[in-house]
Amino acid sequence: MIRINCPFCGPRDHSEFTYGGDGSIAYPALDASAEDWTKAVFERENVRGWQTETWHHVGGCRMWLLVERNTMTHEIRNVRPAHPGFAAVLESET
């Protein structure tokens, strides 16, 4: 079982979340070519070790989060809001 420490709701079971994919991908512009979109969506590395991923907290606050997770051990070392504005608000409160 993976426990994700949501910055808004606290520690929660991963079953409350949906996996959104690689959080380090820079997607092309909406009017980009089909080839550019194919590369961004399907041609990715299969990371072995630490990876930044997006997770959606559908069973809680419904926020999108960036989670640094080890793909080998499932250890999580950092969780932060995906939206920079929410991340800035949380940082200003500490």
Protein backbone atom coordinates (compact mmCIF):
# COMPACT_ATOMS: atom_id res chain seq x y z
CA MET A 1 0.00 0.00 0.00
CA ILE A 2 1.22 3.49 -0.84
CA ARG A 3 0.44 6.36 1.55
CA ILE A 4 0.44 9.80 -0.05
CA ASN A 5 0.73 12.78 2.28
CA CYS A 6 -1.66 15.24 0.63
CA PRO A 7 -0.63 18.80 1.58
CA PHE A 8 -4.32 19.70 1.99
CA CYS A 9 -5.84 16.55 3.56
CA GLY A 10 -2.90 14.81 5.27
CA PRO A 11 -1.76 11.19 4.80
CA ARG A 12 -4.16 9.14 2.66
CA ASP A 13 -4.22 5.70 1.03
CA HIS A 14 -3.32 5.70 -2.66
CA SER A 15 -6.79 4.32 -3.46
CA GLU A 16 -8.13 7.89 -2.99
CA PHE A 17 -5.95 9.05 -5.91
CA THR A 18 -5.69 8.43 -9.62
CA TYR A 19 -2.31 8.32 -11.32
CA GLY A 20 -1.88 11.07 -13.87
CA GLY A 21 1.45 10.14 -15.43
CA ASP A 22 4.96 11.52 -15.65
CA GLY A 23 5.05 14.95 -14.02
CA SER A 24 8.21 16.05 -15.81
CA ILE A 25 6.68 16.03 -19.30
CA ALA A 26 6.41 19.39 -21.04
CA TYR A 27 3.43 18.97 -23.34
CA PRO A 28 3.44 20.74 -26.71
CA ALA A 29 1.10 23.58 -27.61
CA LEU A 30 -2.46 22.60 -28.53
CA ASP A 31 -1.83 23.38 -32.19
CA ALA A 32 1.38 21.29 -32.33
CA SER A 33 1.79 18.53 -34.89
CA ALA A 34 0.52 15.00 -34.34
CA GLU A 35 4.16 13.87 -34.32
CA ASP A 36 4.99 16.21 -31.42
CA TRP A 37 1.96 14.97 -29.46
CA THR A 38 2.81 11.34 -30.18
CA LYS A 39 6.33 11.86 -28.82
CA ALA A 40 5.05 13.61 -25.67
CA VAL A 41 2.34 11.07 -24.88
CA PHE A 42 3.78 7.73 -25.99
CA GLU A 43 7.56 7.97 -26.35
CA ARG A 44 8.76 8.25 -22.76
CA GLU A 45 11.47 6.71 -20.64
CA ASN A 46 10.55 3.94 -18.24
CA VAL A 47 12.27 5.47 -15.22
CA ARG A 48 13.92 3.15 -12.74
CA GLY A 49 14.28 5.09 -9.50
CA TRP A 50 13.05 8.56 -8.55
CA GLN A 51 10.42 10.08 -10.78
CA THR A 52 8.08 13.06 -10.48
CA GLU A 53 4.50 11.95 -11.14
CA THR A 54 1.11 13.65 -11.20
CA TRP A 55 -1.62 12.27 -8.95
CA HIS A 56 -5.22 13.51 -8.69
CA HIS A 57 -6.82 13.35 -5.23
CA VAL A 58 -10.27 12.36 -6.47
CA GLY A 59 -11.38 10.92 -3.11
CA GLY A 60 -10.49 14.05 -1.16
CA CYS A 61 -9.68 17.66 -2.02
CA ARG A 62 -9.62 16.95 -5.80
CA MET A 63 -6.28 18.74 -6.18
CA TRP A 64 -3.58 17.70 -8.66
CA LEU A 65 -0.31 16.90 -6.92
CA LEU A 66 3.30 16.36 -7.98
CA VAL A 67 4.65 13.33 -6.16
CA GLU A 68 8.31 12.31 -6.14
CA ARG A 69 8.16 8.51 -5.95
CA ASN A 70 10.76 5.78 -6.30
CA THR A 71 9.44 3.40 -8.96
CA MET A 72 11.38 0.50 -7.47
CA THR A 73 10.45 0.83 -3.78
CA HIS A 74 7.34 3.10 -3.96
CA GLU A 75 8.94 5.34 -1.32
CA ILE A 76 7.64 8.91 -1.53
CA ARG A 77 9.98 11.76 -0.62
CA ASN A 78 8.02 14.85 -1.63
CA VAL A 79 4.42 15.84 -2.38
CA ARG A 80 3.42 19.32 -3.51
CA PRO A 81 0.55 20.99 -5.37
CA ALA A 82 0.89 20.82 -9.14
CA HIS A 83 -0.37 24.38 -9.53
CA PRO A 84 2.40 26.89 -8.69
CA GLY A 85 -0.10 29.31 -7.12
CA PHE A 86 -1.26 26.75 -4.54
CA ALA A 87 2.34 25.76 -3.82
CA ALA A 88 3.21 29.41 -3.13
CA VAL A 89 0.27 29.76 -0.72
CA LEU A 90 1.33 26.67 1.23
CA GLU A 91 4.93 27.89 1.41
CA SER A 92 3.85 31.30 2.71
CA GLU A 93 1.94 29.65 5.56
CA THR A 94 5.03 27.92 6.96
